[in-house]
Each structure stands twice: as C-alpha cells, then as structure tokens.
Amino acid sequence: MIIEQALLQVKPGQSDEFVAAMQKARPLIAAQPGFQSIDVCPSVDCPDQYLLVVVWDSVESHRDGFRKSPEYEKWRRLLHDFYDPMPSVTYFGNSIFS
C-alpha cells in the first residue's frame, strides 16, 4: 500500500466550483487499476486549501498507470486550473505502527 499526498491550494473564491469538479473527477481515478481510496479534506485553518490523500497498491499504479491514462487527461482538465500553485505529490509507505 502506498499513500499519495498533496496539499491543494485552490484559487481564492473557487472552492465551491473545485468541490463540484472533484465530485465529477472522482470516478476517473476510482476506476484505475491499483486504486484503493481517495479523501479530499478542507483545511480548518487555511481557506481554499485541501488535503488530497489517495491510497494505491503501488507508486507505479499512480505514476505509470493513472498518470499515463486517458482518464488522467480528463482529471487534469477538470481540476488543474483551480490550483495556484500547482501541488507537488509525495508518496508514503506503510505506517510504522502496523
């Protein structure tokens, strides 16, 4: 299991539109081989900031699978214009407590 994490800074005043676009985009990622789950959580302290957490079977499922798929292009068109700056992705392994 691999956890993909990104902080998404949405342009001011566009959060409602971003949330609607994310709802449309969710099935695109959920249908990918190796996908396990997705959470998008709004910040309590920073307006228009969200934490994206996606659980994959492997890093390759995200980088070599989803990122190179036609669905990713649709995902990108739906969501990437909302971000300023573009988020960076970090991958994490299994918990030290498991």
PDB file of N, CA and C in Angstrom:
ATOM      1  N   MET A   1       0.842  -1.180   0.000  1.00  0.00           N
ATOM      2  CA  MET A   1       0.000   0.000   0.000  1.00  0.00           C
ATOM      3  C   MET A   1       0.885   1.241   0.000  1.00  0.00           C
ATOM      4  N   ILE A   2       0.509   2.209  -0.802  1.00  0.00           N
ATOM      5  CA  ILE A   2       1.215   3.485  -0.903  1.00  0.00           C
ATOM      6  C   ILE A   2       0.196   4.609  -0.735  1.00  0.00           C
ATOM      7  N   ILE A   3       0.562   5.628   0.021  1.00  0.00           N
ATOM      8  CA  ILE A   3      -0.307   6.792   0.198  1.00  0.00           C
ATOM      9  C   ILE A   3       0.275   7.947  -0.601  1.00  0.00           C
ATOM     10  N   GLU A   4      -0.535   8.482  -1.493  1.00  0.00           N
ATOM     11  CA  GLU A   4      -0.188   9.690  -2.247  1.00  0.00           C
ATOM     12  C   GLU A   4      -0.809  10.864  -1.506  1.00  0.00           C
ATOM     13  N   GLN A   5      -0.015  11.895  -1.260  1.00  0.00           N
ATOM     14  CA  GLN A   5      -0.498  13.068  -0.530  1.00  0.00           C
ATOM     15  C   GLN A   5      -0.122  14.320  -1.297  1.00  0.00           C
ATOM     16  N   ALA A   6      -1.046  15.278  -1.339  1.00  0.00           N
ATOM     17  CA  ALA A   6      -0.774  16.584  -1.924  1.00  0.00           C
ATOM     18  C   ALA A   6      -1.616  17.633  -1.219  1.00  0.00           C
ATOM     19  N   LEU A   7      -1.024  18.807  -0.980  1.00  0.00           N
ATOM     20  CA  LEU A   7      -1.780  19.961  -0.490  1.00  0.00           C
ATOM     21  C   LEU A   7      -2.245  20.744  -1.701  1.00  0.00           C
ATOM     22  N   LEU A   8      -3.538  20.917  -1.822  1.00  0.00           N
ATOM     23  CA  LEU A   8      -4.136  21.601  -2.965  1.00  0.00           C
ATOM     24  C   LEU A   8      -4.538  23.000  -2.541  1.00  0.00           C
ATOM     25  N   GLN A   9      -3.886  24.001  -3.088  1.00  0.00           N
ATOM     26  CA  GLN A   9      -4.251  25.393  -2.824  1.00  0.00           C
ATOM     27  C   GLN A   9      -5.122  25.861  -3.978  1.00  0.00           C
ATOM     28  N   VAL A  10      -6.398  26.020  -3.712  1.00  0.00           N
ATOM     29  CA  VAL A  10      -7.366  26.437  -4.720  1.00  0.00           C
ATOM     30  C   VAL A  10      -7.379  27.963  -4.780  1.00  0.00           C
ATOM     31  N   LYS A  11      -7.496  28.488  -5.971  1.00  0.00           N
ATOM     32  CA  LYS A  11      -7.540  29.944  -6.148  1.00  0.00           C
ATOM     33  C   LYS A  11      -8.675  30.527  -5.309  1.00  0.00           C
ATOM     34  N   PRO A  12      -8.456  31.676  -4.692  1.00  0.00           N
ATOM     35  CA  PRO A  12      -9.468  32.285  -3.814  1.00  0.00           C
ATOM     36  C   PRO A  12     -10.832  32.406  -4.496  1.00  0.00           C
ATOM     37  N   GLY A  13     -11.851  32.026  -3.734  1.00  0.00           N
ATOM     38  CA  GLY A  13     -13.224  32.154  -4.210  1.00  0.00           C
ATOM     39  C   GLY A  13     -13.695  31.054  -5.143  1.00  0.00           C
ATOM     40  N   GLN A  14     -12.851  30.043  -5.389  1.00  0.00           N
ATOM     41  CA  GLN A  14     -13.231  28.987  -6.331  1.00  0.00           C
ATOM     42  C   GLN A  14     -13.476  27.640  -5.663  1.00  0.00           C
ATOM     43  N   SER A  15     -13.563  27.628  -4.340  1.00  0.00           N
ATOM     44  CA  SER A  15     -13.719  26.363  -3.632  1.00  0.00           C
ATOM     45  C   SER A  15     -14.994  25.612  -3.992  1.00  0.00           C
ATOM     46  N   ASP A  16     -16.107  26.308  -4.116  1.00  0.00           N
ATOM     47  CA  ASP A  16     -17.364  25.617  -4.448  1.00  0.00           C
ATOM     48  C   ASP A  16     -17.270  24.938  -5.812  1.00  0.00           C
ATOM     49  N   GLU A  17     -16.684  25.637  -6.784  1.00  0.00           N
ATOM     50  CA  GLU A  17     -16.525  25.070  -8.122  1.00  0.00           C
ATOM     51  C   GLU A  17     -15.530  23.913  -8.100  1.00  0.00           C
ATOM     52  N   PHE A  18     -14.467  24.049  -7.292  1.00  0.00           N
ATOM     53  CA  PHE A  18     -13.484  22.980  -7.154  1.00  0.00           C
ATOM     54  C   PHE A  18     -14.129  21.722  -6.593  1.00  0.00           C
ATOM     55  N   VAL A  19     -14.920  21.860  -5.542  1.00  0.00           N
ATOM     56  CA  VAL A  19     -15.577  20.706  -4.923  1.00  0.00           C
ATOM     57  C   VAL A  19     -16.494  20.018  -5.937  1.00  0.00           C
ATOM     58  N   ALA A  20     -17.231  20.781  -6.711  1.00  0.00           N
ATOM     59  CA  ALA A  20     -18.104  20.205  -7.735  1.00  0.00           C
ATOM     60  C   ALA A  20     -17.283  19.471  -8.794  1.00  0.00           C
ATOM     61  N   ALA A  21     -16.163  20.051  -9.199  1.00  0.00           N
ATOM     62  CA  ALA A  21     -15.302  19.408 -10.199  1.00  0.00           C
ATOM     63  C   ALA A  21     -14.669  18.139  -9.636  1.00  0.00           C
ATOM     64  N   MET A  22     -14.279  18.155  -8.362  1.00  0.00           N
ATOM     65  CA  MET A  22     -13.696  16.973  -7.738  1.00  0.00           C
ATOM     66  C   MET A  22     -14.717  15.836  -7.685  1.00  0.00           C
ATOM     67  N   GLN A  23     -15.984  16.177  -7.431  1.00  0.00           N
ATOM     68  CA  GLN A  23     -17.037  15.145  -7.447  1.00  0.00           C
ATOM     69  C   GLN A  23     -17.133  14.489  -8.822  1.00  0.00           C
ATOM     70  N   LYS A  24     -16.997  15.287  -9.880  1.00  0.00           N
ATOM     71  CA  LYS A  24     -17.025  14.747 -11.245  1.00  0.00           C
ATOM     72  C   LYS A  24     -15.773  13.934 -11.547  1.00  0.00           C
ATOM     73  N   ALA A  25     -14.647  14.345 -10.979  1.00  0.00           N
ATOM     74  CA  ALA A  25     -13.370  13.698 -11.273  1.00  0.00           C
ATOM     75  C   ALA A  25     -13.162  12.392 -10.503  1.00  0.00           C
ATOM     76  N   ARG A  26     -13.822  12.243  -9.375  1.00  0.00           N
ATOM     77  CA  ARG A  26     -13.591  11.067  -8.527  1.00  0.00           C
ATOM     78  C   ARG A  26     -13.746   9.743  -9.279  1.00  0.00           C
ATOM     79  N   PRO A  27     -14.792   9.543 -10.073  1.00  0.00           N
ATOM     80  CA  PRO A  27     -14.921   8.254 -10.773  1.00  0.00           C
ATOM     81  C   PRO A  27     -13.771   7.962 -11.742  1.00  0.00           C
ATOM     82  N   LEU A  28     -13.108   9.000 -12.241  1.00  0.00           N
ATOM     83  CA  LEU A  28     -11.992   8.803 -13.164  1.00  0.00           C
ATOM     84  C   LEU A  28     -10.817   8.117 -12.483  1.00  0.00           C
ATOM     85  N   ILE A  29     -10.536   8.516 -11.259  1.00  0.00           N
ATOM     86  CA  ILE A  29      -9.429   7.915 -10.517  1.00  0.00           C
ATOM     87  C   ILE A  29      -9.857   6.595  -9.871  1.00  0.00           C
ATOM     88  N   ALA A  30     -11.105   6.533  -9.419  1.00  0.00           N
ATOM     89  CA  ALA A  30     -11.591   5.346  -8.724  1.00  0.00           C
ATOM     90  C   ALA A  30     -11.624   4.114  -9.623  1.00  0.00           C
ATOM     91  N   ALA A  31     -11.709   4.313 -10.929  1.00  0.00           N
ATOM     92  CA  ALA A  31     -11.772   3.194 -11.870  1.00  0.00           C
ATOM     93  C   ALA A  31     -10.387   2.643 -12.241  1.00  0.00           C
ATOM     94  N   GLN A  32      -9.320   3.267 -11.736  1.00  0.00           N
ATOM     95  CA  GLN A  32      -7.966   2.876 -12.134  1.00  0.00           C
ATOM     96  C   GLN A  32      -7.501   1.605 -11.434  1.00  0.00           C
ATOM     97  N   PRO A  33      -6.778   0.749 -12.159  1.00  0.00           N
ATOM     98  CA  PRO A  33      -6.162  -0.414 -11.512  1.00  0.00           C
ATOM     99  C   PRO A  33      -5.206   0.045 -10.412  1.00  0.00           C
ATOM    100  N   GLY A  34      -5.280  -0.607  -9.276  1.00  0.00           N
ATOM    101  CA  GLY A  34      -4.415  -0.263  -8.154  1.00  0.00           C
ATOM    102  C   GLY A  34      -4.969   0.792  -7.218  1.00  0.00           C
ATOM    103  N   PHE A  35      -6.067   1.436  -7.597  1.00  0.00           N
ATOM    104  CA  PHE A  35      -6.694   2.446  -6.738  1.00  0.00           C
ATOM    105  C   PHE A  35      -7.371   1.754  -5.558  1.00  0.00           C
ATOM    106  N   GLN A  36      -7.212   2.335  -4.367  1.00  0.00           N
ATOM    107  CA  GLN A  36      -7.896   1.808  -3.185  1.00  0.00           C
ATOM    108  C   GLN A  36      -8.903   2.798  -2.609  1.00  0.00           C
ATOM    109  N   SER A  37      -8.478   4.056  -2.430  1.00  0.00           N
ATOM    110  CA  SER A  37      -9.407   5.031  -1.848  1.00  0.00           C
ATOM    111  C   SER A  37      -8.895   6.447  -2.100  1.00  0.00           C
ATOM    112  N   ILE A  38      -9.807   7.412  -1.931  1.00  0.00           N
ATOM    113  CA  ILE A  38      -9.456   8.830  -2.059  1.00  0.00           C
ATOM    114  C   ILE A  38     -10.205   9.615  -0.977  1.00  0.00           C
ATOM    115  N   ASP A  39      -9.506  10.585  -0.403  1.00  0.00           N
ATOM    116  CA  ASP A  39     -10.109  11.549   0.516  1.00  0.00           C
ATOM    117  C   ASP A  39      -9.615  12.932   0.131  1.00  0.00           C
ATOM    118  N   VAL A  40     -10.495  13.903   0.175  1.00  0.00           N
ATOM    119  CA  VAL A  40     -10.141  15.301  -0.046  1.00  0.00           C
ATOM    120  C   VAL A  40     -10.765  16.072   1.115  1.00  0.00           C
ATOM    121  N   CYS A  41      -9.902  16.636   1.964  1.00  0.00           N
ATOM    122  CA  CYS A  41     -10.364  17.261   3.201  1.00  0.00           C
ATOM    123  C   CYS A  41     -10.030  18.753   3.202  1.00  0.00           C
ATOM    124  N   PRO A  42     -11.014  19.612   3.489  1.00  0.00           N
ATOM    125  CA  PRO A  42     -10.727  21.043   3.562  1.00  0.00           C
ATOM    126  C   PRO A  42      -9.938  21.382   4.818  1.00  0.00           C
ATOM    127  N   SER A  43      -9.065  22.369   4.691  1.00  0.00           N
ATOM    128  CA  SER A  43      -8.301  22.849   5.834  1.00  0.00           C
ATOM    129  C   SER A  43      -9.221  23.580   6.805  1.00  0.00           C
ATOM    130  N   VAL A  44      -8.964  23.407   8.073  1.00  0.00           N
ATOM    131  CA  VAL A  44      -9.699  24.130   9.110  1.00  0.00           C
ATOM    132  C   VAL A  44      -9.135  25.543   9.259  1.00  0.00           C
ATOM    133  N   ASP A  45      -7.830  25.700   8.979  1.00  0.00           N
ATOM    134  CA  ASP A  45      -7.146  26.962   9.221  1.00  0.00           C
ATOM    135  C   ASP A  45      -6.928  27.826   7.991  1.00  0.00           C
ATOM    136  N   CYS A  46      -6.826  27.210   6.820  1.00  0.00           N
ATOM    137  CA  CYS A  46      -6.471  27.952   5.598  1.00  0.00           C
ATOM    138  C   CYS A  46      -7.603  27.857   4.581  1.00  0.00           C
ATOM    139  N   PRO A  47      -8.272  28.954   4.311  1.00  0.00           N
ATOM    140  CA  PRO A  47      -9.354  28.924   3.334  1.00  0.00           C
ATOM    141  C   PRO A  47      -8.817  28.473   1.971  1.00  0.00           C
ATOM    142  N   ASP A  48      -9.632  27.731   1.271  1.00  0.00           N
ATOM    143  CA  ASP A  48      -9.329  27.293  -0.094  1.00  0.00           C
ATOM    144  C   ASP A  48      -8.157  26.311  -0.160  1.00  0.00           C
ATOM    145  N   GLN A  49      -7.793  25.680   0.950  1.00  0.00           N
ATOM    146  CA  GLN A  49      -6.748  24.654   0.933  1.00  0.00           C
ATOM    147  C   GLN A  49      -7.356  23.305   1.285  1.00  0.00           C
ATOM    148  N   TYR A  50      -6.901  22.269   0.563  1.00  0.00           N
ATOM    149  CA  TYR A  50      -7.432  20.916   0.740  1.00  0.00           C
ATOM    150  C   TYR A  50      -6.278  19.930   0.812  1.00  0.00           C
ATOM    151  N   LEU A  51      -6.479  18.880   1.576  1.00  0.00           N
ATOM    152  CA  LEU A  51      -5.526  17.783   1.637  1.00  0.00           C
ATOM    153  C   LEU A  51      -6.076  16.647   0.789  1.00  0.00           C
ATOM    154  N   LEU A  52      -5.324  16.243  -0.225  1.00  0.00           N
ATOM    155  CA  LEU A  52      -5.672  15.102  -1.067  1.00  0.00           C
ATOM    156  C   LEU A  52      -4.888  13.904  -0.567  1.00  0.00           C
ATOM    157  N   VAL A  53      -5.581  12.815  -0.280  1.00  0.00           N
ATOM    158  CA  VAL A  53      -4.954  11.564   0.134  1.00  0.00           C
ATOM    159  C   VAL A  53      -5.550  10.450  -0.717  1.00  0.00           C
ATOM    160  N   VAL A  54      -4.683   9.794  -1.491  1.00  0.00           N
ATOM    161  CA  VAL A  54      -5.111   8.683  -2.327  1.00  0.00           C
ATOM    162  C   VAL A  54      -4.297   7.462  -1.924  1.00  0.00           C
ATOM    163  N   VAL A  55      -4.956   6.347  -1.727  1.00  0.00           N
ATOM    164  CA  VAL A  55      -4.273   5.103  -1.398  1.00  0.00           C
ATOM    165  C   VAL A  55      -4.242   4.236  -2.651  1.00  0.00           C
ATOM    166  N   TRP A  56      -3.032   3.789  -2.989  1.00  0.00           N
ATOM    167  CA  TRP A  56      -2.779   2.954  -4.163  1.00  0.00           C
ATOM    168  C   TRP A  56      -2.132   1.645  -3.739  1.00  0.00           C
ATOM    169  N   ASP A  57      -2.220   0.651  -4.616  1.00  0.00           N
ATOM    170  CA  ASP A  57      -1.490  -0.601  -4.381  1.00  0.00           C
ATOM    171  C   ASP A  57       0.015  -0.362  -4.430  1.00  0.00           C
ATOM    172  N   SER A  58       0.448   0.549  -5.337  1.00  0.00           N
ATOM    173  CA  SER A  58       1.868   0.810  -5.529  1.00  0.00           C
ATOM    174  C   SER A  58       2.050   2.206  -6.128  1.00  0.00           C
ATOM    175  N   VAL A  59       3.262   2.728  -6.054  1.00  0.00           N
ATOM    176  CA  VAL A  59       3.573   4.008  -6.693  1.00  0.00           C
ATOM    177  C   VAL A  59       3.337   3.899  -8.196  1.00  0.00           C
ATOM    178  N   GLU A  60       3.692   2.765  -8.774  1.00  0.00           N
ATOM    179  CA  GLU A  60       3.526   2.553 -10.210  1.00  0.00           C
ATOM    180  C   GLU A  60       2.064   2.638 -10.637  1.00  0.00           C
ATOM    181  N   SER A  61       1.154   2.224  -9.782  1.00  0.00           N
ATOM    182  CA  SER A  61      -0.279   2.329 -10.110  1.00  0.00           C
ATOM    183  C   SER A  61      -0.660   3.776 -10.380  1.00  0.00           C
ATOM    184  N   HIS A  62      -0.047   4.688  -9.648  1.00  0.00           N
ATOM    185  CA  HIS A  62      -0.324   6.111  -9.854  1.00  0.00           C
ATOM    186  C   HIS A  62       0.505   6.674 -10.999  1.00  0.00           C
ATOM    187  N   ARG A  63       1.839   6.556 -10.890  1.00  0.00           N
ATOM    188  CA  ARG A  63       2.740   7.198 -11.862  1.00  0.00           C
ATOM    189  C   ARG A  63       2.672   6.583 -13.252  1.00  0.00           C
ATOM    190  N   ASP A  64       2.712   5.267 -13.330  1.00  0.00           N
ATOM    191  CA  ASP A  64       2.775   4.591 -14.624  1.00  0.00           C
ATOM    192  C   ASP A  64       1.393   4.189 -15.138  1.00  0.00           C
ATOM    193  N   GLY A  65       0.430   4.150 -14.233  1.00  0.00           N
ATOM    194  CA  GLY A  65      -0.934   3.779 -14.617  1.00  0.00           C
ATOM    195  C   GLY A  65      -1.804   5.005 -14.827  1.00  0.00           C
ATOM    196  N   PHE A  66      -2.308   5.568 -13.744  1.00  0.00           N
ATOM    197  CA  PHE A  66      -3.237   6.689 -13.827  1.00  0.00           C
ATOM    198  C   PHE A  66      -2.647   7.877 -14.571  1.00  0.00           C
ATOM    199  N   ARG A  67      -1.427   8.267 -14.240  1.00  0.00           N
ATOM    200  CA  ARG A  67      -0.830   9.469 -14.848  1.00  0.00           C
ATOM    201  C   ARG A  67      -0.624   9.347 -16.357  1.00  0.00           C
ATOM    202  N   LYS A  68      -0.612   8.132 -16.879  1.00  0.00           N
ATOM    203  CA  LYS A  68      -0.422   7.923 -18.319  1.00  0.00           C
ATOM    204  C   LYS A  68      -1.718   7.496 -19.013  1.00  0.00           C
ATOM    205  N   SER A  69      -2.826   7.564 -18.296  1.00  0.00           N
ATOM    206  CA  SER A  69      -4.110   7.106 -18.837  1.00  0.00           C
ATOM    207  C   SER A  69      -4.903   8.248 -19.463  1.00  0.00           C
ATOM    208  N   PRO A  70      -5.844   7.923 -20.346  1.00  0.00           N
ATOM    209  CA  PRO A  70      -6.746   8.948 -20.893  1.00  0.00           C
ATOM    210  C   PRO A  70      -7.596   9.602 -19.792  1.00  0.00           C
ATOM    211  N   GLU A  71      -7.898   8.851 -18.740  1.00  0.00           N
ATOM    212  CA  GLU A  71      -8.687   9.406 -17.634  1.00  0.00           C
ATOM    213  C   GLU A  71      -7.927  10.505 -16.908  1.00  0.00           C
ATOM    214  N   TYR A  72      -6.605  10.385 -16.850  1.00  0.00           N
ATOM    215  CA  TYR A  72      -5.819  11.436 -16.196  1.00  0.00           C
ATOM    216  C   TYR A  72      -5.940  12.753 -16.955  1.00  0.00           C
ATOM    217  N   GLU A  73      -5.970  12.699 -18.271  1.00  0.00           N
ATOM    218  CA  GLU A  73      -6.134  13.928 -19.058  1.00  0.00           C
ATOM    219  C   GLU A  73      -7.472  14.591 -18.746  1.00  0.00           C
ATOM    220  N   LYS A  74      -8.503  13.789 -18.566  1.00  0.00           N
ATOM    221  CA  LYS A  74      -9.817  14.331 -18.182  1.00  0.00           C
ATOM    222  C   LYS A  74      -9.740  14.925 -16.769  1.00  0.00           C
ATOM    223  N   TRP A  75      -9.098  14.215 -15.854  1.00  0.00           N
ATOM    224  CA  TRP A  75      -8.879  14.689 -14.470  1.00  0.00           C
ATOM    225  C   TRP A  75      -8.172  16.042 -14.485  1.00  0.00           C
ATOM    226  N   ARG A  76      -7.106  16.114 -15.265  1.00  0.00           N
ATOM    227  CA  ARG A  76      -6.311  17.334 -15.360  1.00  0.00           C
ATOM    228  C   ARG A  76      -7.143  18.498 -15.884  1.00  0.00           C
ATOM    229  N   ARG A  77      -7.933  18.246 -16.920  1.00  0.00           N
ATOM    230  CA  ARG A  77      -8.784  19.317 -17.478  1.00  0.00           C
ATOM    231  C   ARG A  77      -9.833  19.784 -16.478  1.00  0.00           C
ATOM    232  N   LEU A  78     -10.358  18.876 -15.681  1.00  0.00           N
ATOM    233  CA  LEU A  78     -11.369  19.242 -14.688  1.00  0.00           C
ATOM    234  C   LEU A  78     -10.788  20.031 -13.511  1.00  0.00           C
ATOM    235  N   LEU A  79      -9.552  19.719 -13.106  1.00  0.00           N
ATOM    236  CA  LEU A  79      -9.066  20.205 -11.816  1.00  0.00           C
ATOM    237  C   LEU A  79      -7.871  21.154 -11.839  1.00  0.00           C
ATOM    238  N   HIS A  80      -6.962  21.004 -12.768  1.00  0.00           N
ATOM    239  CA  HIS A  80      -5.684  21.709 -12.646  1.00  0.00           C
ATOM    240  C   HIS A  80      -5.784  23.229 -12.741  1.00  0.00           C
ATOM    241  N   ASP A  81      -6.784  23.765 -13.377  1.00  0.00           N
ATOM    242  CA  ASP A  81      -6.924  25.225 -13.452  1.00  0.00           C
ATOM    243  C   ASP A  81      -7.303  25.854 -12.114  1.00  0.00           C
ATOM    244  N   PHE A  82      -7.732  25.044 -11.153  1.00  0.00           N
ATOM    245  CA  PHE A  82      -8.107  25.572  -9.838  1.00  0.00           C
ATOM    246  C   PHE A  82      -6.886  25.856  -8.954  1.00  0.00           C
ATOM    247  N   TYR A  83      -5.730  25.261  -9.244  1.00  0.00           N
ATOM    248  CA  TYR A  83      -4.595  25.291  -8.327  1.00  0.00           C
ATOM    249  C   TYR A  83      -3.658  26.473  -8.577  1.00  0.00           C
ATOM    250  N   ASP A  84      -3.242  27.099  -7.477  1.00  0.00           N
ATOM    251  CA  ASP A  84      -2.203  28.116  -7.540  1.00  0.00           C
ATOM    252  C   ASP A  84      -1.499  28.160  -6.182  1.00  0.00           C
ATOM    253  N   PRO A  85      -0.310  27.578  -6.097  1.00  0.00           N
ATOM    254  CA  PRO A  85       0.497  26.972  -7.156  1.00  0.00           C
ATOM    255  C   PRO A  85       0.079  25.534  -7.435  1.00  0.00           C
ATOM    256  N   MET A  86       0.682  24.948  -8.478  1.00  0.00           N
ATOM    257  CA  MET A  86       0.456  23.542  -8.756  1.00  0.00           C
ATOM    258  C   MET A  86       1.006  22.736  -7.587  1.00  0.00           C
ATOM    259  N   PRO A  87       0.235  21.775  -7.101  1.00  0.00           N
ATOM    260  CA  PRO A  87       0.703  20.984  -5.956  1.00  0.00           C
ATOM    261  C   PRO A  87       1.777  19.980  -6.360  1.00  0.00           C
ATOM    262  N   SER A  88       2.600  19.635  -5.396  1.00  0.00           N
ATOM    263  CA  SER A  88       3.527  18.533  -5.596  1.00  0.00           C
ATOM    264  C   SER A  88       3.004  17.331  -4.830  1.00  0.00           C
ATOM    265  N   VAL A  89       3.325  16.168  -5.341  1.00  0.00           N
ATOM    266  CA  VAL A  89       2.848  14.909  -4.773  1.00  0.00           C
ATOM    267  C   VAL A  89       3.979  14.259  -3.989  1.00  0.00           C
ATOM    268  N   THR A  90       3.631  13.708  -2.839  1.00  0.00           N
ATOM    269  CA  THR A  90       4.571  12.946  -2.026  1.00  0.00           C
ATOM    270  C   THR A  90       3.955  11.578  -1.772  1.00  0.00           C
ATOM    271  N   TYR A  91       4.796  10.548  -1.807  1.00  0.00           N
ATOM    272  CA  TYR A  91       4.334   9.183  -1.549  1.00  0.00           C
ATOM    273  C   TYR A  91       4.842   8.724  -0.189  1.00  0.00           C
ATOM    274  N   PHE A  92       3.990   8.003   0.529  1.00  0.00           N
ATOM    275  CA  PHE A  92       4.336   7.464   1.835  1.00  0.00           C
ATOM    276  C   PHE A  92       4.055   5.970   1.848  1.00  0.00           C
ATOM    277  N   GLY A  93       4.861   5.242   2.633  1.00  0.00           N
ATOM    278  CA  GLY A  93       4.690   3.800   2.773  1.00  0.00           C
ATOM    279  C   GLY A  93       3.783   3.442   3.932  1.00  0.00           C
ATOM    280  N   ASN A  94       3.884   2.202   4.354  1.00  0.00           N
ATOM    281  CA  ASN A  94       3.050   1.698   5.452  1.00  0.00           C
ATOM    282  C   ASN A  94       3.397   2.363   6.773  1.00  0.00           C
ATOM    283  N   SER A  95       2.435   2.420   7.632  1.00  0.00           N
ATOM    284  CA  SER A  95       2.607   3.019   8.952  1.00  0.00           C
ATOM    285  C   SER A  95       3.700   2.300   9.754  1.00  0.00           C
ATOM    286  N   ILE A  96       4.429   3.056  10.540  1.00  0.00           N
ATOM    287  CA  ILE A  96       5.420   2.465  11.416  1.00  0.00           C
ATOM    288  C   ILE A  96       4.760   1.699  12.567  1.00  0.00           C
ATOM    289  N   PHE A  97       3.448   1.884  12.737  1.00  0.00           N
ATOM    290  CA  PHE A  97       2.728   1.226  13.812  1.00  0.00           C
ATOM    291  C   PHE A  97       2.024  -0.044  13.367  1.00  0.00           C
ATOM    292  N   SER A  98       2.134  -0.407  12.072  1.00  0.00           N
ATOM    293  CA  SER A  98       1.441  -1.632  11.651  1.00  0.00           C
ATOM    294  C   SER A  98       2.334  -2.832  11.724  1.00  0.00           C
TER     295      SER A  98
END
